Amino acid sequence: MEQTHLTHIGKNIKQLREYRNMTPETLGWKAGNTEHFIKEVEKGNIALSIDQLVKIAEVLNCVLDINFTPMENLEK
């Protein structure tokens, strides 16, 4: 099964959360969400808004690194 962008983001959030010794409940509470929401994000089942992603990154004390590459550069 091909890994989607949501799955990739979810796995990274889970890895960072575990590295910070946080439960999904704690991350959800600190980011203004629920434990269920965090678990679904980590599974890749929920698309985050930019605001939600930024808040989670702040709670996890990490930097969002987003790169936009023009399609013509990917075809080379």
PDB file of N, CA and C in Angstrom:
ATOM      1  N   MET A   1       0.837  -1.184   0.000  1.00  0.00           N
ATOM      2  CA  MET A   1       0.000   0.000   0.000  1.00  0.00           C
ATOM      3  C   MET A   1       0.880   1.245   0.000  1.00  0.00           C
ATOM      4  N   GLU A   2       0.551   2.181  -0.867  1.00  0.00           N
ATOM      5  CA  GLU A   2       1.329   3.405  -0.984  1.00  0.00           C
ATOM      6  C   GLU A   2       1.094   4.321   0.220  1.00  0.00           C
ATOM      7  N   GLN A   3       2.169   4.873   0.742  1.00  0.00           N
ATOM      8  CA  GLN A   3       2.069   5.779   1.884  1.00  0.00           C
ATOM      9  C   GLN A   3       1.594   7.144   1.397  1.00  0.00           C
ATOM     10  N   THR A   4       0.558   7.662   2.013  1.00  0.00           N
ATOM     11  CA  THR A   4       0.036   8.966   1.623  1.00  0.00           C
ATOM     12  C   THR A   4       0.720  10.062   2.425  1.00  0.00           C
ATOM     13  N   HIS A   5       0.487  11.284   1.994  1.00  0.00           N
ATOM     14  CA  HIS A   5       1.041  12.429   2.731  1.00  0.00           C
ATOM     15  C   HIS A   5       0.484  12.472   4.153  1.00  0.00           C
ATOM     16  N   LEU A   6      -0.797  12.189   4.310  1.00  0.00           N
ATOM     17  CA  LEU A   6      -1.396  12.212   5.649  1.00  0.00           C
ATOM     18  C   LEU A   6      -0.789  11.145   6.542  1.00  0.00           C
ATOM     19  N   THR A   7      -0.551   9.974   5.986  1.00  0.00           N
ATOM     20  CA  THR A   7       0.073   8.902   6.764  1.00  0.00           C
ATOM     21  C   THR A   7       1.487   9.286   7.178  1.00  0.00           C
ATOM     22  N   HIS A   8       2.220   9.879   6.256  1.00  0.00           N
ATOM     23  CA  HIS A   8       3.594  10.311   6.543  1.00  0.00           C
ATOM     24  C   HIS A   8       3.611  11.367   7.655  1.00  0.00           C
ATOM     25  N   ILE A   9       2.743  12.361   7.547  1.00  0.00           N
ATOM     26  CA  ILE A   9       2.661  13.408   8.576  1.00  0.00           C
ATOM     27  C   ILE A   9       2.257  12.792   9.909  1.00  0.00           C
ATOM     28  N   GLY A  10       1.270  11.904   9.883  1.00  0.00           N
ATOM     29  CA  GLY A  10       0.815  11.251  11.111  1.00  0.00           C
ATOM     30  C   GLY A  10       1.909  10.461  11.801  1.00  0.00           C
ATOM     31  N   LYS A  11       2.690   9.726  11.021  1.00  0.00           N
ATOM     32  CA  LYS A  11       3.796   8.947  11.601  1.00  0.00           C
ATOM     33  C   LYS A  11       4.841   9.867  12.224  1.00  0.00           C
ATOM     34  N   ASN A  12       5.112  10.991  11.566  1.00  0.00           N
ATOM     35  CA  ASN A  12       6.082  11.938  12.127  1.00  0.00           C
ATOM     36  C   ASN A  12       5.569  12.548  13.427  1.00  0.00           C
ATOM     37  N   ILE A  13       4.292  12.893  13.459  1.00  0.00           N
ATOM     38  CA  ILE A  13       3.717  13.450  14.690  1.00  0.00           C
ATOM     39  C   ILE A  13       3.800  12.424  15.813  1.00  0.00           C
ATOM     40  N   LYS A  14       3.443  11.180  15.529  1.00  0.00           N
ATOM     41  CA  LYS A  14       3.505  10.136  16.555  1.00  0.00           C
ATOM     42  C   LYS A  14       4.929   9.939  17.064  1.00  0.00           C
ATOM     43  N   GLN A  15       5.879   9.907  16.136  1.00  0.00           N
ATOM     44  CA  GLN A  15       7.281   9.719  16.522  1.00  0.00           C
ATOM     45  C   GLN A  15       7.751  10.861  17.431  1.00  0.00           C
ATOM     46  N   LEU A  16       7.422  12.096  17.062  1.00  0.00           N
ATOM     47  CA  LEU A  16       7.817  13.243  17.886  1.00  0.00           C
ATOM     48  C   LEU A  16       7.099  13.234  19.233  1.00  0.00           C
ATOM     49  N   ARG A  17       5.832  12.872  19.237  1.00  0.00           N
ATOM     50  CA  ARG A  17       5.067  12.815  20.481  1.00  0.00           C
ATOM     51  C   ARG A  17       5.682  11.795  21.430  1.00  0.00           C
ATOM     52  N   GLU A  18       5.999  10.616  20.916  1.00  0.00           N
ATOM     53  CA  GLU A  18       6.615   9.586  21.748  1.00  0.00           C
ATOM     54  C   GLU A  18       8.002  10.003  22.223  1.00  0.00           C
ATOM     55  N   TYR A  19       8.760  10.658  21.356  1.00  0.00           N
ATOM     56  CA  TYR A  19      10.087  11.152  21.733  1.00  0.00           C
ATOM     57  C   TYR A  19       9.985  12.149  22.888  1.00  0.00           C
ATOM     58  N   ARG A  20       8.911  12.934  22.891  1.00  0.00           N
ATOM     59  CA  ARG A  20       8.682  13.928  23.952  1.00  0.00           C
ATOM     60  C   ARG A  20       7.977  13.315  25.162  1.00  0.00           C
ATOM     61  N   ASN A  21       7.799  11.981  25.140  1.00  0.00           N
ATOM     62  CA  ASN A  21       7.138  11.259  26.234  1.00  0.00           C
ATOM     63  C   ASN A  21       5.754  11.824  26.547  1.00  0.00           C
ATOM     64  N   MET A  22       4.990  12.093  25.490  1.00  0.00           N
ATOM     65  CA  MET A  22       3.625  12.591  25.639  1.00  0.00           C
ATOM     66  C   MET A  22       2.642  11.521  25.216  1.00  0.00           C
ATOM     67  N   THR A  23       1.507  11.510  25.867  1.00  0.00           N
ATOM     68  CA  THR A  23       0.417  10.647  25.437  1.00  0.00           C
ATOM     69  C   THR A  23      -0.397  11.401  24.382  1.00  0.00           C
ATOM     70  N   PRO A  24      -1.210  10.683  23.596  1.00  0.00           N
ATOM     71  CA  PRO A  24      -2.096  11.378  22.662  1.00  0.00           C
ATOM     72  C   PRO A  24      -3.036  12.342  23.396  1.00  0.00           C
ATOM     73  N   GLU A  25      -3.449  11.945  24.590  1.00  0.00           N
ATOM     74  CA  GLU A  25      -4.335  12.793  25.394  1.00  0.00           C
ATOM     75  C   GLU A  25      -3.653  14.113  25.756  1.00  0.00           C
ATOM     76  N   THR A  26      -2.406  14.039  26.203  1.00  0.00           N
ATOM     77  CA  THR A  26      -1.670  15.247  26.580  1.00  0.00           C
ATOM     78  C   THR A  26      -1.434  16.147  25.381  1.00  0.00           C
ATOM     79  N   LEU A  27      -1.003  15.572  24.258  1.00  0.00           N
ATOM     80  CA  LEU A  27      -0.780  16.371  23.059  1.00  0.00           C
ATOM     81  C   LEU A  27      -2.084  17.022  22.612  1.00  0.00           C
ATOM     82  N   GLY A  28      -3.152  16.261  22.625  1.00  0.00           N
ATOM     83  CA  GLY A  28      -4.446  16.809  22.234  1.00  0.00           C
ATOM     84  C   GLY A  28      -4.856  17.969  23.115  1.00  0.00           C
ATOM     85  N   TRP A  29      -4.716  17.792  24.409  1.00  0.00           N
ATOM     86  CA  TRP A  29      -5.100  18.846  25.363  1.00  0.00           C
ATOM     87  C   TRP A  29      -4.269  20.104  25.144  1.00  0.00           C
ATOM     88  N   LYS A  30      -2.961  19.943  25.023  1.00  0.00           N
ATOM     89  CA  LYS A  30      -2.076  21.108  24.856  1.00  0.00           C
ATOM     90  C   LYS A  30      -2.268  21.790  23.500  1.00  0.00           C
ATOM     91  N   ALA A  31      -2.690  21.020  22.487  1.00  0.00           N
ATOM     92  CA  ALA A  31      -2.885  21.582  21.151  1.00  0.00           C
ATOM     93  C   ALA A  31      -4.331  22.006  20.901  1.00  0.00           C
ATOM     94  N   GLY A  32      -5.177  21.865  21.920  1.00  0.00           N
ATOM     95  CA  GLY A  32      -6.563  22.276  21.774  1.00  0.00           C
ATOM     96  C   GLY A  32      -7.420  21.286  21.008  1.00  0.00           C
ATOM     97  N   ASN A  33      -7.052  20.015  21.074  1.00  0.00           N
ATOM     98  CA  ASN A  33      -7.796  18.954  20.401  1.00  0.00           C
ATOM     99  C   ASN A  33      -8.085  17.841  21.398  1.00  0.00           C
ATOM    100  N   THR A  34      -8.597  16.740  20.889  1.00  0.00           N
ATOM    101  CA  THR A  34      -8.896  15.597  21.745  1.00  0.00           C
ATOM    102  C   THR A  34      -7.896  14.472  21.500  1.00  0.00           C
ATOM    103  N   GLU A  35      -7.874  13.529  22.413  1.00  0.00           N
ATOM    104  CA  GLU A  35      -7.039  12.336  22.253  1.00  0.00           C
ATOM    105  C   GLU A  35      -7.445  11.598  20.970  1.00  0.00           C
ATOM    106  N   HIS A  36      -8.746  11.480  20.745  1.00  0.00           N
ATOM    107  CA  HIS A  36      -9.250  10.788  19.548  1.00  0.00           C
ATOM    108  C   HIS A  36      -8.750  11.480  18.275  1.00  0.00           C
ATOM    109  N   PHE A  37      -8.798  12.806  18.255  1.00  0.00           N
ATOM    110  CA  PHE A  37      -8.326  13.567  17.100  1.00  0.00           C
ATOM    111  C   PHE A  37      -6.856  13.256  16.826  1.00  0.00           C
ATOM    112  N   ILE A  38      -6.024  13.300  17.860  1.00  0.00           N
ATOM    113  CA  ILE A  38      -4.583  13.036  17.694  1.00  0.00           C
ATOM    114  C   ILE A  38      -4.354  11.614  17.179  1.00  0.00           C
ATOM    115  N   LYS A  39      -5.065  10.650  17.733  1.00  0.00           N
ATOM    116  CA  LYS A  39      -4.896   9.265  17.284  1.00  0.00           C
ATOM    117  C   LYS A  39      -5.275   9.104  15.808  1.00  0.00           C
ATOM    118  N   GLU A  40      -6.336   9.773  15.387  1.00  0.00           N
ATOM    119  CA  GLU A  40      -6.754   9.696  13.992  1.00  0.00           C
ATOM    120  C   GLU A  40      -5.757  10.405  13.068  1.00  0.00           C
ATOM    121  N   VAL A  41      -5.194  11.515  13.526  1.00  0.00           N
ATOM    122  CA  VAL A  41      -4.152  12.209  12.756  1.00  0.00           C
ATOM    123  C   VAL A  41      -2.949  11.290  12.595  1.00  0.00           C
ATOM    124  N   GLU A  42      -2.541  10.651  13.685  1.00  0.00           N
ATOM    125  CA  GLU A  42      -1.376   9.765  13.639  1.00  0.00           C
ATOM    126  C   GLU A  42      -1.580   8.567  12.710  1.00  0.00           C
ATOM    127  N   LYS A  43      -2.823   8.153  12.529  1.00  0.00           N
ATOM    128  CA  LYS A  43      -3.135   7.053  11.607  1.00  0.00           C
ATOM    129  C   LYS A  43      -3.251   7.534  10.162  1.00  0.00           C
ATOM    130  N   GLY A  44      -3.260   8.849   9.969  1.00  0.00           N
ATOM    131  CA  GLY A  44      -3.407   9.397   8.626  1.00  0.00           C
ATOM    132  C   GLY A  44      -4.846   9.473   8.168  1.00  0.00           C
ATOM    133  N   ASN A  45      -5.783   9.444   9.114  1.00  0.00           N
ATOM    134  CA  ASN A  45      -7.206   9.443   8.783  1.00  0.00           C
ATOM    135  C   ASN A  45      -7.829  10.836   8.745  1.00  0.00           C
ATOM    136  N   ILE A  46      -7.114  11.843   9.216  1.00  0.00           N
ATOM    137  CA  ILE A  46      -7.659  13.203   9.280  1.00  0.00           C
ATOM    138  C   ILE A  46      -6.680  14.158   8.620  1.00  0.00           C
ATOM    139  N   ALA A  47      -7.206  15.011   7.768  1.00  0.00           N
ATOM    140  CA  ALA A  47      -6.406  16.076   7.167  1.00  0.00           C
ATOM    141  C   ALA A  47      -6.392  17.263   8.120  1.00  0.00           C
ATOM    142  N   LEU A  48      -5.215  17.696   8.464  1.00  0.00           N
ATOM    143  CA  LEU A  48      -5.060  18.833   9.381  1.00  0.00           C
ATOM    144  C   LEU A  48      -5.144  20.151   8.639  1.00  0.00           C
ATOM    145  N   SER A  49      -5.674  21.159   9.305  1.00  0.00           N
ATOM    146  CA  SER A  49      -5.552  22.509   8.765  1.00  0.00           C
ATOM    147  C   SER A  49      -4.128  22.987   9.060  1.00  0.00           C
ATOM    148  N   ILE A  50      -3.708  24.008   8.374  1.00  0.00           N
ATOM    149  CA  ILE A  50      -2.375  24.576   8.641  1.00  0.00           C
ATOM    150  C   ILE A  50      -2.295  25.042  10.092  1.00  0.00           C
ATOM    151  N   ASP A  51      -3.354  25.675  10.581  1.00  0.00           N
ATOM    152  CA  ASP A  51      -3.368  26.151  11.968  1.00  0.00           C
ATOM    153  C   ASP A  51      -3.206  25.000  12.960  1.00  0.00           C
ATOM    154  N   GLN A  52      -3.898  23.884  12.708  1.00  0.00           N
ATOM    155  CA  GLN A  52      -3.777  22.725  13.594  1.00  0.00           C
ATOM    156  C   GLN A  52      -2.369  22.150  13.549  1.00  0.00           C
ATOM    157  N   LEU A  53      -1.809  22.076  12.364  1.00  0.00           N
ATOM    158  CA  LEU A  53      -0.456  21.543  12.221  1.00  0.00           C
ATOM    159  C   LEU A  53       0.570  22.425  12.925  1.00  0.00           C
ATOM    160  N   VAL A  54       0.418  23.731  12.792  1.00  0.00           N
ATOM    161  CA  VAL A  54       1.333  24.669  13.460  1.00  0.00           C
ATOM    162  C   VAL A  54       1.223  24.526  14.974  1.00  0.00           C
ATOM    163  N   LYS A  55       0.012  24.418  15.498  1.00  0.00           N
ATOM    164  CA  LYS A  55      -0.179  24.282  16.944  1.00  0.00           C
ATOM    165  C   LYS A  55       0.440  22.992  17.467  1.00  0.00           C
ATOM    166  N   ILE A  56       0.240  21.896  16.752  1.00  0.00           N
ATOM    167  CA  ILE A  56       0.845  20.629  17.167  1.00  0.00           C
ATOM    168  C   ILE A  56       2.368  20.736  17.141  1.00  0.00           C
ATOM    169  N   ALA A  57       2.911  21.359  16.111  1.00  0.00           N
ATOM    170  CA  ALA A  57       4.368  21.546  16.025  1.00  0.00           C
ATOM    171  C   ALA A  57       4.880  22.381  17.191  1.00  0.00           C
ATOM    172  N   GLU A  58       4.145  23.422  17.562  1.00  0.00           N
ATOM    173  CA  GLU A  58       4.540  24.251  18.704  1.00  0.00           C
ATOM    174  C   GLU A  58       4.569  23.427  19.990  1.00  0.00           C
ATOM    175  N   VAL A  59       3.523  22.632  20.201  1.00  0.00           N
ATOM    176  CA  VAL A  59       3.460  21.804  21.408  1.00  0.00           C
ATOM    177  C   VAL A  59       4.601  20.792  21.427  1.00  0.00           C
ATOM    178  N   LEU A  60       4.934  20.247  20.261  1.00  0.00           N
ATOM    179  CA  LEU A  60       6.022  19.263  20.170  1.00  0.00           C
ATOM    180  C   LEU A  60       7.394  19.918  20.103  1.00  0.00           C
ATOM    181  N   ASN A  61       7.413  21.250  20.129  1.00  0.00           N
ATOM    182  CA  ASN A  61       8.660  22.013  20.096  1.00  0.00           C
ATOM    183  C   ASN A  61       9.524  21.623  18.891  1.00  0.00           C
ATOM    184  N   CYS A  62       8.887  21.689  17.709  1.00  0.00           N
ATOM    185  CA  CYS A  62       9.624  21.385  16.489  1.00  0.00           C
ATOM    186  C   CYS A  62       9.300  22.423  15.418  1.00  0.00           C
ATOM    187  N   VAL A  63      10.101  22.428  14.395  1.00  0.00           N
ATOM    188  CA  VAL A  63       9.957  23.369  13.293  1.00  0.00           C
ATOM    189  C   VAL A  63       9.284  22.654  12.125  1.00  0.00           C
ATOM    190  N   LEU A  64       8.317  23.328  11.520  1.00  0.00           N
ATOM    191  CA  LEU A  64       7.715  22.789  10.294  1.00  0.00           C
ATOM    192  C   LEU A  64       8.627  23.149   9.136  1.00  0.00           C
ATOM    193  N   ASP A  65       9.001  22.164   8.364  1.00  0.00           N
ATOM    194  CA  ASP A  65       9.851  22.387   7.209  1.00  0.00           C
ATOM    195  C   ASP A  65       9.054  21.991   5.972  1.00  0.00           C
ATOM    196  N   ILE A  66       8.502  22.987   5.307  1.00  0.00           N
ATOM    197  CA  ILE A  66       7.669  22.743   4.138  1.00  0.00           C
ATOM    198  C   ILE A  66       8.382  23.307   2.918  1.00  0.00           C
ATOM    199  N   ASN A  67       8.589  22.440   1.940  1.00  0.00           N
ATOM    200  CA  ASN A  67       9.242  22.855   0.702  1.00  0.00           C
ATOM    201  C   ASN A  67       8.279  22.704  -0.462  1.00  0.00           C
ATOM    202  N   PHE A  68       8.201  23.728  -1.267  1.00  0.00           N
ATOM    203  CA  PHE A  68       7.408  23.658  -2.487  1.00  0.00           C
ATOM    204  C   PHE A  68       8.382  23.596  -3.655  1.00  0.00           C
ATOM    205  N   THR A  69       8.274  22.521  -4.428  1.00  0.00           N
ATOM    206  CA  THR A  69       9.156  22.326  -5.569  1.00  0.00           C
ATOM    207  C   THR A  69       8.313  22.362  -6.836  1.00  0.00           C
ATOM    208  N   PRO A  70       8.680  23.211  -7.790  1.00  0.00           N
ATOM    209  CA  PRO A  70       7.916  23.239  -9.052  1.00  0.00           C
ATOM    210  C   PRO A  70       7.929  21.868  -9.721  1.00  0.00           C
ATOM    211  N   MET A  71       6.801  21.483 -10.283  1.00  0.00           N
ATOM    212  CA  MET A  71       6.662  20.166 -10.912  1.00  0.00           C
ATOM    213  C   MET A  71       7.725  19.912 -11.977  1.00  0.00           C
ATOM    214  N   GLU A  72       8.089  20.960 -12.740  1.00  0.00           N
ATOM    215  CA  GLU A  72       9.066  20.736 -13.795  1.00  0.00           C
ATOM    216  C   GLU A  72      10.424  20.287 -13.219  1.00  0.00           C
ATOM    217  N   ASN A  73      10.720  20.666 -11.963  1.00  0.00           N
ATOM    218  CA  ASN A  73      11.960  20.226 -11.340  1.00  0.00           C
ATOM    219  C   ASN A  73      11.912  18.754 -10.956  1.00  0.00           C
ATOM    220  N   LEU A  74      10.730  18.238 -10.719  1.00  0.00           N
ATOM    221  CA  LEU A  74      10.577  16.832 -10.334  1.00  0.00           C
ATOM    222  C   LEU A  74      10.671  15.906 -11.553  1.00  0.00           C
ATOM    223  N   GLU A  75      10.421  16.441 -12.731  1.00  0.00           N
ATOM    224  CA  GLU A  75      10.402  15.626 -13.935  1.00  0.00           C
ATOM    225  C   GLU A  75      11.802  15.419 -14.518  1.00  0.00           C
ATOM    226  N   LYS A  76      12.785  16.099 -14.016  1.00  0.00           N
ATOM    227  CA  LYS A  76      14.150  15.988 -14.547  1.00  0.00           C
ATOM    228  C   LYS A  76      14.859  14.774 -14.029  1.00  0.00           C
TER     229      LYS A  76
END
